[in-house]
Amino acid sequence: MRESQIARPTGDVWTLRRALRSPRLWAAFTMTTLGVIGFQIMATHQVAHAVDRGFPQSTVVRLFALGAACMMAGNLFGGWLSDHVGRGWVFALGSIVALVGIGCLALTRGPHDLPLLLLYAASGFGFGMRIAQLSAIPADVFAGPELGAILGVVQAGGGLGGAIGPFLGGWLFDITGGYELAFVAAGVAIAGGAVAAWFAARPIDRAPDADAKLEQSASPGRP
């Protein structure tokens, strides 16, 4: 009999109620929320920042189209790589690449800094590496009959981050008159999301109480 066909004890099944009591679920929720906040801040300001620094709009459009292609490639590569080296490692690596890219954009002062803007566009690869992990990490941990509901809770963090990110970025620009503090906030959010992802992606063998259930099933004569 295949392992997948063996009936598992009740304690080995993640229900939504049990998941809501798990710190891992809220780590995954935080991972998604902070990740989207960081991404949305950058998406809100990247074009305006580049144009304000004197880059022609046509150049900016082409570079950020390249960034979108890099993000797509990073998504595919990150999903594949995480199957081999682990979700947390890939999320951390993608975060480092993204942070380097944010730094490059923040340091861009004019058209003579085209290489920095190009590096920022290429850092979309790192942003993309993180995307596949947003679902893969909670799916690895909370696999079971109520995974859809659990993923709904985790992905609700993306909606929250999508609401906070543009507002926060715009507010920081309004009070400072520049983009630097908004970029710092994006970097902090990206780094915080990586920490949360690392915690959520820690190896886990079975759900809470599974060991006790297995012990009881192995010793039916015990009270």
N, C-alpha and C. Protein backbone atom coordinates (compact mmCIF):
# COMPACT_ATOMS: atom_id res chain seq x y z
N MET A 1 0.85 -1.20 0.00
CA MET A 1 0.00 0.00 0.00
C MET A 1 0.88 1.24 0.00
N ARG A 2 0.54 2.18 -0.87
CA ARG A 2 1.33 3.40 -0.93
C ARG A 2 1.10 4.23 0.31
N GLU A 3 2.14 5.02 0.68
CA GLU A 3 2.06 5.84 1.89
C GLU A 3 0.89 6.81 1.82
N SER A 4 0.62 7.36 0.61
CA SER A 4 -0.46 8.33 0.48
C SER A 4 -1.83 7.71 0.69
N GLN A 5 -1.91 6.36 0.64
CA GLN A 5 -3.18 5.68 0.80
C GLN A 5 -3.41 5.25 2.24
N ILE A 6 -2.42 5.42 3.11
CA ILE A 6 -2.54 5.02 4.50
C ILE A 6 -3.34 6.08 5.24
N ALA A 7 -4.36 5.64 5.97
CA ALA A 7 -5.16 6.60 6.74
C ALA A 7 -4.31 7.21 7.83
N ARG A 8 -4.36 8.53 7.94
CA ARG A 8 -3.56 9.22 8.94
C ARG A 8 -4.43 9.53 10.14
N PRO A 9 -3.85 9.63 11.32
CA PRO A 9 -4.63 9.96 12.51
C PRO A 9 -5.17 11.38 12.41
N THR A 10 -6.26 11.63 13.14
CA THR A 10 -6.91 12.93 13.07
C THR A 10 -5.95 14.06 13.41
N GLY A 11 -5.06 13.85 14.38
CA GLY A 11 -4.14 14.90 14.79
C GLY A 11 -3.14 15.26 13.74
N ASP A 12 -3.04 14.44 12.68
CA ASP A 12 -2.08 14.70 11.62
C ASP A 12 -2.70 15.53 10.51
N VAL A 13 -3.92 15.99 10.66
CA VAL A 13 -4.62 16.75 9.64
C VAL A 13 -4.76 18.19 10.09
N TRP A 14 -4.32 19.11 9.22
CA TRP A 14 -4.44 20.53 9.53
C TRP A 14 -5.85 21.00 9.18
N THR A 15 -6.61 21.41 10.15
CA THR A 15 -7.88 22.07 9.94
C THR A 15 -7.67 23.57 10.03
N LEU A 16 -8.63 24.34 9.56
CA LEU A 16 -8.52 25.79 9.64
C LEU A 16 -8.44 26.24 11.09
N ARG A 17 -9.24 25.62 11.94
CA ARG A 17 -9.24 26.01 13.36
C ARG A 17 -7.87 25.78 13.98
N ARG A 18 -7.28 24.62 13.70
CA ARG A 18 -5.96 24.34 14.26
C ARG A 18 -4.91 25.28 13.68
N ALA A 19 -5.00 25.54 12.37
CA ALA A 19 -4.03 26.42 11.73
C ALA A 19 -4.08 27.82 12.30
N LEU A 20 -5.28 28.31 12.62
CA LEU A 20 -5.41 29.65 13.17
C LEU A 20 -4.73 29.79 14.53
N ARG A 21 -4.48 28.67 15.19
CA ARG A 21 -3.78 28.71 16.47
C ARG A 21 -2.27 28.50 16.31
N SER A 22 -1.83 28.34 15.08
CA SER A 22 -0.42 28.06 14.84
C SER A 22 0.35 29.34 14.51
N PRO A 23 1.48 29.57 15.18
CA PRO A 23 2.31 30.73 14.83
C PRO A 23 2.78 30.70 13.38
N ARG A 24 2.88 29.50 12.81
CA ARG A 24 3.33 29.40 11.43
C ARG A 24 2.36 30.07 10.46
N LEU A 25 1.07 29.94 10.74
CA LEU A 25 0.08 30.57 9.87
C LEU A 25 0.26 32.07 9.89
N TRP A 26 0.44 32.64 11.05
CA TRP A 26 0.57 34.10 11.15
C TRP A 26 1.93 34.57 10.66
N ALA A 27 2.93 33.69 10.70
CA ALA A 27 4.20 34.02 10.06
C ALA A 27 4.02 34.08 8.55
N ALA A 28 3.26 33.12 7.99
CA ALA A 28 3.00 33.14 6.55
C ALA A 28 2.15 34.35 6.17
N PHE A 29 1.18 34.69 7.01
CA PHE A 29 0.35 35.88 6.79
C PHE A 29 1.23 37.14 6.78
N THR A 30 2.14 37.24 7.75
CA THR A 30 3.05 38.38 7.82
C THR A 30 3.98 38.42 6.61
N MET A 31 4.48 37.25 6.21
CA MET A 31 5.32 37.15 5.01
C MET A 31 4.63 37.76 3.80
N THR A 32 3.37 37.40 3.61
CA THR A 32 2.62 37.89 2.46
C THR A 32 2.33 39.38 2.58
N THR A 33 1.91 39.81 3.76
CA THR A 33 1.58 41.22 3.96
C THR A 33 2.78 42.12 3.72
N LEU A 34 3.90 41.81 4.38
CA LEU A 34 5.09 42.65 4.24
C LEU A 34 5.66 42.59 2.84
N GLY A 35 5.63 41.40 2.23
CA GLY A 35 6.14 41.27 0.87
C GLY A 35 5.38 42.15 -0.11
N VAL A 36 4.05 42.17 0.02
CA VAL A 36 3.24 42.97 -0.90
C VAL A 36 3.41 44.46 -0.59
N ILE A 37 3.55 44.82 0.69
CA ILE A 37 3.78 46.22 1.03
C ILE A 37 5.05 46.72 0.34
N GLY A 38 6.14 45.98 0.47
CA GLY A 38 7.39 46.38 -0.16
C GLY A 38 7.28 46.49 -1.66
N PHE A 39 6.63 45.49 -2.27
CA PHE A 39 6.49 45.49 -3.73
C PHE A 39 5.63 46.67 -4.19
N GLN A 40 4.53 46.93 -3.49
CA GLN A 40 3.63 47.99 -3.91
C GLN A 40 4.25 49.38 -3.76
N ILE A 41 5.06 49.55 -2.72
CA ILE A 41 5.75 50.84 -2.58
C ILE A 41 6.65 51.09 -3.78
N MET A 42 7.39 50.07 -4.18
CA MET A 42 8.28 50.23 -5.33
C MET A 42 7.50 50.42 -6.62
N ALA A 43 6.43 49.64 -6.78
CA ALA A 43 5.63 49.77 -8.00
C ALA A 43 5.01 51.16 -8.11
N THR A 44 4.67 51.76 -6.97
CA THR A 44 4.06 53.08 -6.95
C THR A 44 5.04 54.17 -7.35
N HIS A 45 6.30 54.03 -6.94
CA HIS A 45 7.26 55.14 -7.07
C HIS A 45 8.31 54.95 -8.16
N GLN A 46 8.48 53.75 -8.67
CA GLN A 46 9.65 53.52 -9.53
C GLN A 46 9.63 54.38 -10.81
N VAL A 47 8.49 54.45 -11.46
CA VAL A 47 8.42 55.24 -12.69
C VAL A 47 8.61 56.73 -12.40
N ALA A 48 7.89 57.24 -11.40
CA ALA A 48 8.00 58.66 -11.07
C ALA A 48 9.42 59.03 -10.68
N HIS A 49 10.08 58.17 -9.91
CA HIS A 49 11.45 58.45 -9.49
C HIS A 49 12.39 58.52 -10.68
N ALA A 50 12.26 57.55 -11.59
CA ALA A 50 13.15 57.53 -12.75
C ALA A 50 12.91 58.73 -13.65
N VAL A 51 11.66 59.09 -13.88
CA VAL A 51 11.36 60.24 -14.73
C VAL A 51 11.84 61.54 -14.06
N ASP A 52 11.65 61.65 -12.76
CA ASP A 52 12.13 62.84 -12.05
C ASP A 52 13.64 62.97 -12.11
N ARG A 53 14.33 61.87 -12.29
CA ARG A 53 15.79 61.91 -12.38
C ARG A 53 16.27 62.18 -13.80
N GLY A 54 15.35 62.44 -14.71
CA GLY A 54 15.74 62.87 -16.05
C GLY A 54 15.75 61.80 -17.11
N PHE A 55 15.29 60.60 -16.81
CA PHE A 55 15.26 59.54 -17.82
C PHE A 55 14.07 59.76 -18.75
N PRO A 56 14.25 59.59 -20.06
CA PRO A 56 13.12 59.68 -20.99
C PRO A 56 12.07 58.60 -20.66
N GLN A 57 10.81 58.96 -20.83
CA GLN A 57 9.76 58.01 -20.51
C GLN A 57 9.87 56.74 -21.34
N SER A 58 10.29 56.86 -22.58
CA SER A 58 10.42 55.68 -23.43
C SER A 58 11.47 54.72 -22.87
N THR A 59 12.56 55.27 -22.36
CA THR A 59 13.60 54.44 -21.75
C THR A 59 13.09 53.75 -20.50
N VAL A 60 12.36 54.50 -19.68
CA VAL A 60 11.81 53.94 -18.44
C VAL A 60 10.85 52.80 -18.75
N VAL A 61 9.99 53.00 -19.74
CA VAL A 61 9.02 51.96 -20.11
C VAL A 61 9.75 50.69 -20.55
N ARG A 62 10.76 50.84 -21.37
CA ARG A 62 11.49 49.66 -21.85
C ARG A 62 12.21 48.94 -20.70
N LEU A 63 12.83 49.70 -19.83
CA LEU A 63 13.56 49.09 -18.73
C LEU A 63 12.63 48.35 -17.78
N PHE A 64 11.49 48.94 -17.48
CA PHE A 64 10.58 48.28 -16.54
C PHE A 64 9.82 47.15 -17.19
N ALA A 65 9.69 47.17 -18.52
CA ALA A 65 9.18 45.99 -19.22
C ALA A 65 10.18 44.85 -19.09
N LEU A 66 11.48 45.19 -19.17
CA LEU A 66 12.52 44.19 -18.93
C LEU A 66 12.42 43.67 -17.50
N GLY A 67 12.15 44.57 -16.55
CA GLY A 67 12.00 44.15 -15.17
C GLY A 67 10.87 43.16 -14.99
N ALA A 68 9.76 43.39 -15.70
CA ALA A 68 8.63 42.46 -15.61
C ALA A 68 9.01 41.09 -16.18
N ALA A 69 9.78 41.09 -17.27
CA ALA A 69 10.23 39.82 -17.84
C ALA A 69 11.17 39.10 -16.87
N CYS A 70 12.04 39.86 -16.21
CA CYS A 70 12.94 39.27 -15.21
C CYS A 70 12.15 38.68 -14.05
N MET A 71 11.08 39.36 -13.66
CA MET A 71 10.25 38.87 -12.58
C MET A 71 9.60 37.54 -12.95
N MET A 72 9.11 37.45 -14.18
CA MET A 72 8.50 36.21 -14.63
C MET A 72 9.52 35.08 -14.63
N ALA A 73 10.73 35.37 -15.13
CA ALA A 73 11.78 34.35 -15.14
C ALA A 73 12.16 33.94 -13.72
N GLY A 74 12.24 34.92 -12.81
CA GLY A 74 12.56 34.62 -11.42
C GLY A 74 11.50 33.77 -10.76
N ASN A 75 10.26 34.00 -11.10
CA ASN A 75 9.16 33.20 -10.55
C ASN A 75 9.33 31.74 -10.95
N LEU A 76 9.61 31.51 -12.21
CA LEU A 76 9.79 30.13 -12.70
C LEU A 76 11.02 29.48 -12.06
N PHE A 77 12.12 30.22 -12.05
CA PHE A 77 13.36 29.67 -11.49
C PHE A 77 13.24 29.46 -9.99
N GLY A 78 12.63 30.42 -9.30
CA GLY A 78 12.49 30.30 -7.85
C GLY A 78 11.62 29.12 -7.46
N GLY A 79 10.55 28.89 -8.20
CA GLY A 79 9.72 27.74 -7.91
C GLY A 79 10.47 26.43 -8.08
N TRP A 80 11.26 26.34 -9.17
CA TRP A 80 12.04 25.12 -9.40
C TRP A 80 13.12 24.96 -8.34
N LEU A 81 13.85 26.03 -8.06
CA LEU A 81 14.96 25.94 -7.12
C LEU A 81 14.49 25.59 -5.72
N SER A 82 13.33 26.12 -5.33
CA SER A 82 12.85 25.87 -3.97
C SER A 82 12.50 24.40 -3.77
N ASP A 83 12.20 23.69 -4.85
CA ASP A 83 11.94 22.26 -4.72
C ASP A 83 13.20 21.48 -4.38
N HIS A 84 14.36 22.09 -4.62
CA HIS A 84 15.63 21.39 -4.43
C HIS A 84 16.41 21.87 -3.21
N VAL A 85 16.32 23.15 -2.90
CA VAL A 85 17.14 23.67 -1.80
C VAL A 85 16.32 24.18 -0.63
N GLY A 86 15.00 24.28 -0.79
CA GLY A 86 14.16 24.73 0.30
C GLY A 86 13.55 26.10 0.05
N ARG A 87 12.32 26.27 0.51
CA ARG A 87 11.59 27.51 0.25
C ARG A 87 12.22 28.70 0.97
N GLY A 88 12.60 28.50 2.23
CA GLY A 88 13.15 29.61 2.99
C GLY A 88 14.42 30.16 2.38
N TRP A 89 15.30 29.27 1.91
CA TRP A 89 16.55 29.71 1.29
C TRP A 89 16.28 30.53 0.04
N VAL A 90 15.35 30.07 -0.79
CA VAL A 90 15.06 30.78 -2.03
C VAL A 90 14.41 32.13 -1.74
N PHE A 91 13.51 32.17 -0.75
CA PHE A 91 12.89 33.44 -0.39
C PHE A 91 13.94 34.42 0.11
N ALA A 92 14.87 33.94 0.91
CA ALA A 92 15.94 34.81 1.42
C ALA A 92 16.83 35.32 0.30
N LEU A 93 17.19 34.42 -0.64
CA LEU A 93 18.04 34.82 -1.76
C LEU A 93 17.33 35.85 -2.63
N GLY A 94 16.06 35.60 -2.93
CA GLY A 94 15.31 36.55 -3.73
C GLY A 94 15.19 37.90 -3.03
N SER A 95 15.06 37.88 -1.71
CA SER A 95 14.96 39.13 -0.95
C SER A 95 16.26 39.92 -1.02
N ILE A 96 17.39 39.23 -0.96
CA ILE A 96 18.69 39.91 -1.06
C ILE A 96 18.83 40.59 -2.42
N VAL A 97 18.46 39.88 -3.48
CA VAL A 97 18.53 40.45 -4.82
C VAL A 97 17.61 41.67 -4.92
N ALA A 98 16.40 41.55 -4.36
CA ALA A 98 15.45 42.66 -4.40
C ALA A 98 15.99 43.87 -3.63
N LEU A 99 16.59 43.62 -2.47
CA LEU A 99 17.13 44.72 -1.67
C LEU A 99 18.28 45.43 -2.39
N VAL A 100 19.12 44.67 -3.07
CA VAL A 100 20.20 45.29 -3.86
C VAL A 100 19.59 46.18 -4.95
N GLY A 101 18.53 45.67 -5.59
CA GLY A 101 17.88 46.46 -6.63
C GLY A 101 17.28 47.75 -6.09
N ILE A 102 16.64 47.67 -4.93
CA ILE A 102 16.07 48.88 -4.32
C ILE A 102 17.18 49.89 -4.02
N GLY A 103 18.31 49.40 -3.53
CA GLY A 103 19.44 50.29 -3.27
C GLY A 103 19.93 50.96 -4.54
N CYS A 104 19.97 50.22 -5.63
CA CYS A 104 20.41 50.80 -6.91
C CYS A 104 19.46 51.90 -7.36
N LEU A 105 18.16 51.66 -7.24
CA LEU A 105 17.20 52.68 -7.65
C LEU A 105 17.33 53.92 -6.75
N ALA A 106 17.51 53.72 -5.45
CA ALA A 106 17.64 54.85 -4.54
C ALA A 106 18.88 55.69 -4.84
N LEU A 107 19.94 55.06 -5.35
CA LEU A 107 21.18 55.76 -5.64
C LEU A 107 21.17 56.42 -7.02
N THR A 108 20.16 56.17 -7.81
CA THR A 108 20.08 56.73 -9.16
C THR A 108 19.81 58.23 -9.07
N ARG A 109 20.69 59.02 -9.66
CA ARG A 109 20.58 60.48 -9.57
C ARG A 109 20.32 61.14 -10.92
N GLY A 110 20.59 60.47 -12.02
CA GLY A 110 20.38 61.08 -13.33
C GLY A 110 20.62 60.08 -14.44
N PRO A 111 20.46 60.51 -15.69
CA PRO A 111 20.64 59.60 -16.83
C PRO A 111 22.01 58.95 -16.89
N HIS A 112 23.01 59.57 -16.27
CA HIS A 112 24.33 58.96 -16.26
C HIS A 112 24.37 57.71 -15.38
N ASP A 113 23.33 57.52 -14.58
CA ASP A 113 23.26 56.33 -13.73
C ASP A 113 22.40 55.23 -14.36
N LEU A 114 22.38 55.20 -15.67
CA LEU A 114 21.59 54.18 -16.37
C LEU A 114 21.95 52.76 -15.93
N PRO A 115 23.23 52.43 -15.69
CA PRO A 115 23.53 51.07 -15.22
C PRO A 115 22.82 50.72 -13.90
N LEU A 116 22.66 51.71 -13.02
CA LEU A 116 21.96 51.44 -11.76
C LEU A 116 20.49 51.14 -12.02
N LEU A 117 19.89 51.89 -12.93
CA LEU A 117 18.48 51.65 -13.25
C LEU A 117 18.32 50.29 -13.92
N LEU A 118 19.29 49.92 -14.73
CA LEU A 118 19.26 48.60 -15.37
C LEU A 118 19.37 47.49 -14.33
N LEU A 119 20.22 47.69 -13.33
CA LEU A 119 20.35 46.70 -12.26
C LEU A 119 19.05 46.59 -11.47
N TYR A 120 18.39 47.72 -11.26
CA TYR A 120 17.10 47.66 -10.56
C TYR A 120 16.09 46.85 -11.36
N ALA A 121 16.06 47.08 -12.67
CA ALA A 121 15.13 46.31 -13.51
C ALA A 121 15.46 44.82 -13.43
N ALA A 122 16.74 44.49 -13.46
CA ALA A 122 17.14 43.09 -13.39
C ALA A 122 16.80 42.46 -12.05
N SER A 123 16.73 43.29 -11.00
CA SER A 123 16.41 42.76 -9.67
C SER A 123 14.98 42.26 -9.60
N GLY A 124 14.19 42.53 -10.63
CA GLY A 124 12.87 41.91 -10.70
C GLY A 124 12.96 40.40 -10.63
N PHE A 125 14.10 39.85 -11.02
CA PHE A 125 14.32 38.41 -10.92
C PHE A 125 14.21 37.97 -9.46
N GLY A 126 14.78 38.77 -8.56
CA GLY A 126 14.70 38.44 -7.13
C GLY A 126 13.29 38.55 -6.59
N PHE A 127 12.59 39.63 -7.00
CA PHE A 127 11.19 39.75 -6.59
C PHE A 127 10.40 38.53 -7.06
N GLY A 128 10.67 38.10 -8.30
CA GLY A 128 9.96 36.95 -8.84
C GLY A 128 10.25 35.66 -8.10
N MET A 129 11.48 35.49 -7.63
CA MET A 129 11.84 34.27 -6.90
C MET A 129 10.99 34.10 -5.66
N ARG A 130 10.54 35.20 -5.10
CA ARG A 130 9.75 35.14 -3.87
C ARG A 130 8.29 34.77 -4.12
N ILE A 131 7.79 35.06 -5.33
CA ILE A 131 6.36 34.94 -5.58
C ILE A 131 5.86 33.51 -5.40
N ALA A 132 6.57 32.54 -6.00
CA ALA A 132 6.10 31.16 -5.91
C ALA A 132 6.06 30.66 -4.47
N GLN A 133 6.91 31.22 -3.64
CA GLN A 133 6.99 30.75 -2.24
C GLN A 133 5.78 31.20 -1.42
N LEU A 134 5.09 32.25 -1.86
CA LEU A 134 3.97 32.77 -1.08
C LEU A 134 2.86 31.74 -0.91
N SER A 135 2.73 30.86 -1.90
CA SER A 135 1.76 29.76 -1.79
C SER A 135 2.43 28.46 -1.40
N ALA A 136 3.67 28.25 -1.89
CA ALA A 136 4.33 26.97 -1.65
C ALA A 136 4.64 26.75 -0.17
N ILE A 137 5.05 27.81 0.52
CA ILE A 137 5.41 27.67 1.94
C ILE A 137 4.22 27.23 2.77
N PRO A 138 3.08 27.95 2.73
CA PRO A 138 1.94 27.46 3.52
C PRO A 138 1.40 26.13 3.03
N ALA A 139 1.51 25.85 1.73
CA ALA A 139 1.03 24.56 1.22
C ALA A 139 1.87 23.41 1.77
N ASP A 140 3.17 23.61 1.90
CA ASP A 140 4.03 22.58 2.47
C ASP A 140 3.67 22.30 3.92
N VAL A 141 3.38 23.35 4.67
CA VAL A 141 3.16 23.21 6.10
C VAL A 141 1.75 22.71 6.40
N PHE A 142 0.75 23.25 5.69
CA PHE A 142 -0.64 23.03 6.06
C PHE A 142 -1.40 22.14 5.09
N ALA A 143 -0.69 21.29 4.36
CA ALA A 143 -1.36 20.40 3.40
C ALA A 143 -2.44 19.59 4.10
N GLY A 144 -3.60 19.54 3.49
CA GLY A 144 -4.71 18.81 4.07
C GLY A 144 -6.01 19.20 3.41
N PRO A 145 -7.13 18.67 3.91
CA PRO A 145 -8.43 18.90 3.27
C PRO A 145 -8.92 20.34 3.35
N GLU A 146 -8.36 21.15 4.26
CA GLU A 146 -8.79 22.54 4.40
C GLU A 146 -7.71 23.52 3.97
N LEU A 147 -6.82 23.04 3.08
CA LEU A 147 -5.73 23.89 2.61
C LEU A 147 -6.26 25.14 1.91
N GLY A 148 -7.33 25.02 1.14
CA GLY A 148 -7.86 26.17 0.43
C GLY A 148 -8.26 27.29 1.37
N ALA A 149 -8.95 26.93 2.45
CA ALA A 149 -9.36 27.93 3.43
C ALA A 149 -8.15 28.55 4.12
N ILE A 150 -7.15 27.72 4.41
CA ILE A 150 -5.94 28.21 5.07
C ILE A 150 -5.19 29.17 4.14
N LEU A 151 -5.08 28.79 2.87
CA LEU A 151 -4.43 29.69 1.91
C LEU A 151 -5.21 30.99 1.76
N GLY A 152 -6.52 30.91 1.88
CA GLY A 152 -7.32 32.14 1.83
C GLY A 152 -6.94 33.10 2.93
N VAL A 153 -6.69 32.58 4.13
CA VAL A 153 -6.27 33.43 5.23
C VAL A 153 -4.90 34.03 4.94
N VAL A 154 -3.98 33.19 4.48
CA VAL A 154 -2.62 33.67 4.18
C VAL A 154 -2.65 34.74 3.10
N GLN A 155 -3.39 34.47 2.02
CA GLN A 155 -3.40 35.40 0.90
C GLN A 155 -4.18 36.67 1.22
N ALA A 156 -5.02 36.64 2.26
CA ALA A 156 -5.67 37.88 2.69
C ALA A 156 -4.62 38.92 3.11
N GLY A 157 -3.47 38.43 3.56
CA GLY A 157 -2.38 39.35 3.87
C GLY A 157 -1.93 40.13 2.65
N GLY A 158 -2.05 39.52 1.46
CA GLY A 158 -1.70 40.24 0.25
C GLY A 158 -2.65 41.40 -0.01
N GLY A 159 -3.94 41.20 0.28
CA GLY A 159 -4.89 42.29 0.13
C GLY A 159 -4.60 43.42 1.10
N LEU A 160 -4.25 43.04 2.34
CA LEU A 160 -3.91 44.06 3.33
C LEU A 160 -2.66 44.82 2.91
N GLY A 161 -1.65 44.10 2.45
CA GLY A 161 -0.43 44.76 2.00
C GLY A 161 -0.66 45.63 0.77
N GLY A 162 -1.57 45.17 -0.12
CA GLY A 162 -1.88 45.96 -1.30
C GLY A 162 -2.57 47.26 -0.96
N ALA A 163 -3.28 47.30 0.16
CA ALA A 163 -3.93 48.54 0.60
C ALA A 163 -2.94 49.45 1.32
N ILE A 164 -2.06 48.85 2.12
CA ILE A 164 -1.13 49.65 2.92
C ILE A 164 0.01 50.22 2.07
N GLY A 165 0.57 49.41 1.17
CA GLY A 165 1.77 49.79 0.45
C GLY A 165 1.67 51.10 -0.31
N PRO A 166 0.72 51.25 -1.24
CA PRO A 166 0.64 52.52 -1.98
C PRO A 166 0.35 53.71 -1.09
N PHE A 167 -0.52 53.51 -0.10
CA PHE A 167 -0.83 54.62 0.81
C PHE A 167 0.42 55.04 1.59
N LEU A 168 1.14 54.06 2.13
CA LEU A 168 2.34 54.37 2.91
C LEU A 168 3.39 55.05 2.06
N GLY A 169 3.61 54.53 0.86
CA GLY A 169 4.59 55.14 -0.02
C GLY A 169 4.23 56.57 -0.38
N GLY A 170 2.95 56.80 -0.71
CA GLY A 170 2.52 58.15 -1.05
C GLY A 170 2.60 59.10 0.13
N TRP A 171 2.24 58.61 1.30
CA TRP A 171 2.29 59.46 2.50
C TRP A 171 3.72 59.84 2.84
N LEU A 172 4.64 58.90 2.74
CA LEU A 172 6.04 59.20 3.04
C LEU A 172 6.60 60.20 2.04
N PHE A 173 6.18 60.09 0.78
CA PHE A 173 6.63 61.08 -0.21
C PHE A 173 6.07 62.46 0.12
N ASP A 174 4.81 62.50 0.53
CA ASP A 174 4.18 63.80 0.83
C ASP A 174 4.86 64.51 2.00
N ILE A 175 5.27 63.76 3.01
CA ILE A 175 5.82 64.42 4.20
C ILE A 175 7.31 64.70 4.06
N THR A 176 7.99 64.02 3.11
CA THR A 176 9.43 64.23 2.96
C THR A 176 9.78 64.95 1.67
N GLY A 177 8.89 64.90 0.68
CA GLY A 177 9.19 65.53 -0.59
C GLY A 177 10.17 64.74 -1.43
N GLY A 178 10.47 63.52 -1.04
CA GLY A 178 11.40 62.67 -1.79
C GLY A 178 11.02 61.21 -1.66
N TYR A 179 11.76 60.39 -2.37
CA TYR A 179 11.44 58.96 -2.42
C TYR A 179 12.29 58.12 -1.47
N GLU A 180 13.33 58.70 -0.90
CA GLU A 180 14.30 57.90 -0.16
C GLU A 180 13.68 57.16 1.01
N LEU A 181 12.87 57.85 1.81
CA LEU A 181 12.28 57.20 2.98
C LEU A 181 11.30 56.11 2.56
N ALA A 182 10.60 56.33 1.47
CA ALA A 182 9.69 55.30 0.97
C ALA A 182 10.47 54.06 0.55
N PHE A 183 11.64 54.26 -0.06
CA PHE A 183 12.46 53.12 -0.46
C PHE A 183 13.00 52.38 0.77
N VAL A 184 13.35 53.14 1.80
CA VAL A 184 13.79 52.50 3.04
C VAL A 184 12.67 51.65 3.62
N ALA A 185 11.46 52.19 3.63
CA ALA A 185 10.31 51.44 4.15
C ALA A 185 10.08 50.18 3.34
N ALA A 186 10.24 50.27 2.03
CA ALA A 186 10.08 49.09 1.17
C ALA A 186 11.14 48.04 1.51
N GLY A 187 12.38 48.50 1.72
CA GLY A 187 13.45 47.56 2.07
C GLY A 187 13.20 46.88 3.40
N VAL A 188 12.72 47.64 4.37
CA VAL A 188 12.41 47.06 5.69
C VAL A 188 11.31 46.02 5.55
N ALA A 189 10.28 46.33 4.76
CA ALA A 189 9.19 45.39 4.56
C ALA A 189 9.67 44.12 3.86
N ILE A 190 10.52 44.27 2.85
CA ILE A 190 11.06 43.11 2.14
C ILE A 190 11.86 42.23 3.09
N ALA A 191 12.72 42.86 3.89
CA ALA A 191 13.54 42.10 4.83
C ALA A 191 12.67 41.43 5.90
N GLY A 192 11.69 42.16 6.42
CA GLY A 192 10.79 41.59 7.42
C GLY A 192 10.01 40.41 6.87
N GLY A 193 9.58 40.51 5.61
CA GLY A 193 8.89 39.39 4.98
C GLY A 193 9.77 38.17 4.87
N ALA A 194 11.07 38.38 4.60
CA ALA A 194 12.00 37.25 4.50
C ALA A 194 12.17 36.55 5.84
N VAL A 195 12.23 37.33 6.93
CA VAL A 195 12.34 36.73 8.26
C VAL A 195 11.09 35.90 8.57
N ALA A 196 9.93 36.46 8.27
CA ALA A 196 8.68 35.74 8.51
C ALA A 196 8.62 34.47 7.66
N ALA A 197 9.07 34.55 6.41
CA ALA A 197 9.07 33.38 5.53
C ALA A 197 9.99 32.30 6.07
N TRP A 198 11.13 32.70 6.59
CA TRP A 198 12.08 31.72 7.15
C TRP A 198 11.46 30.98 8.32
N PHE A 199 10.75 31.70 9.16
CA PHE A 199 10.09 31.06 10.29
C PHE A 199 8.97 30.13 9.82
N ALA A 200 8.17 30.61 8.87
CA ALA A 200 7.04 29.81 8.40
C ALA A 200 7.49 28.56 7.66
N ALA A 201 8.65 28.62 7.02
CA ALA A 201 9.11 27.51 6.18
C ALA A 201 9.96 26.50 6.92
N ARG A 202 10.14 26.64 8.22
CA ARG A 202 10.94 25.66 8.96
C ARG A 202 10.38 24.26 8.75
N PRO A 203 11.25 23.25 8.67
CA PRO A 203 10.77 21.88 8.44
C PRO A 203 9.79 21.45 9.52
N ILE A 204 8.76 20.75 9.11
CA ILE A 204 7.76 20.23 10.04
C ILE A 204 7.38 18.83 9.59
N ASP A 205 7.27 17.91 10.51
CA ASP A 205 6.96 16.52 10.17
C ASP A 205 5.47 16.25 10.18
N ARG A 206 4.79 16.75 11.20
CA ARG A 206 3.35 16.50 11.30
C ARG A 206 2.72 17.59 12.13
N ALA A 207 1.40 17.65 12.05
CA ALA A 207 0.66 18.70 12.74
C ALA A 207 0.72 18.49 14.24
N PRO A 208 0.35 19.50 15.04
CA PRO A 208 0.34 19.36 16.49
C PRO A 208 -0.52 18.19 16.93
N ASP A 209 -0.11 17.54 18.00
CA ASP A 209 -0.81 16.41 18.61
C ASP A 209 -0.69 15.11 17.83
N ALA A 210 0.03 15.15 16.69
CA ALA A 210 0.12 13.93 15.90
C ALA A 210 0.90 12.85 16.63
N ASP A 211 1.99 13.24 17.30
CA ASP A 211 2.78 12.25 18.02
C ASP A 211 1.95 11.56 19.09
N ALA A 212 1.14 12.34 19.82
CA ALA A 212 0.31 11.74 20.86
C ALA A 212 -0.71 10.78 20.26
N LYS A 213 -1.28 11.16 19.12
CA LYS A 213 -2.26 10.30 18.47
C LYS A 213 -1.62 9.00 18.00
N LEU A 214 -0.43 9.12 17.44
CA LEU A 214 0.26 7.93 16.96
C LEU A 214 0.63 7.01 18.11
N GLU A 215 1.05 7.61 19.22
CA GLU A 215 1.41 6.80 20.38
C GLU A 215 0.19 6.05 20.92
N GLN A 216 -0.96 6.71 20.96
CA GLN A 216 -2.17 6.07 21.44
C GLN A 216 -2.61 4.96 20.50
N SER A 217 -2.49 5.18 19.20
CA SER A 217 -2.91 4.15 18.25
C SER A 217 -1.98 2.95 18.29
N ALA A 218 -0.71 3.17 18.66
CA ALA A 218 0.24 2.06 18.74
C ALA A 218 0.07 1.26 20.03
N SER A 219 -0.60 1.85 21.02
CA SER A 219 -0.81 1.16 22.31
C SER A 219 -2.29 1.19 22.68
N PRO A 220 -3.11 0.37 21.98
CA PRO A 220 -4.56 0.44 22.17
C PRO A 220 -4.99 0.04 23.55
N GLY A 221 -4.17 -0.69 24.32
CA GLY A 221 -4.58 -1.15 25.64
C GLY A 221 -4.40 -0.09 26.71
N ARG A 222 -3.74 1.01 26.37
CA ARG A 222 -3.51 2.05 27.37
C ARG A 222 -4.77 2.83 27.61
N PRO A 223 -5.04 3.27 28.85
CA PRO A 223 -6.24 4.06 29.14
C PRO A 223 -6.17 5.42 28.51
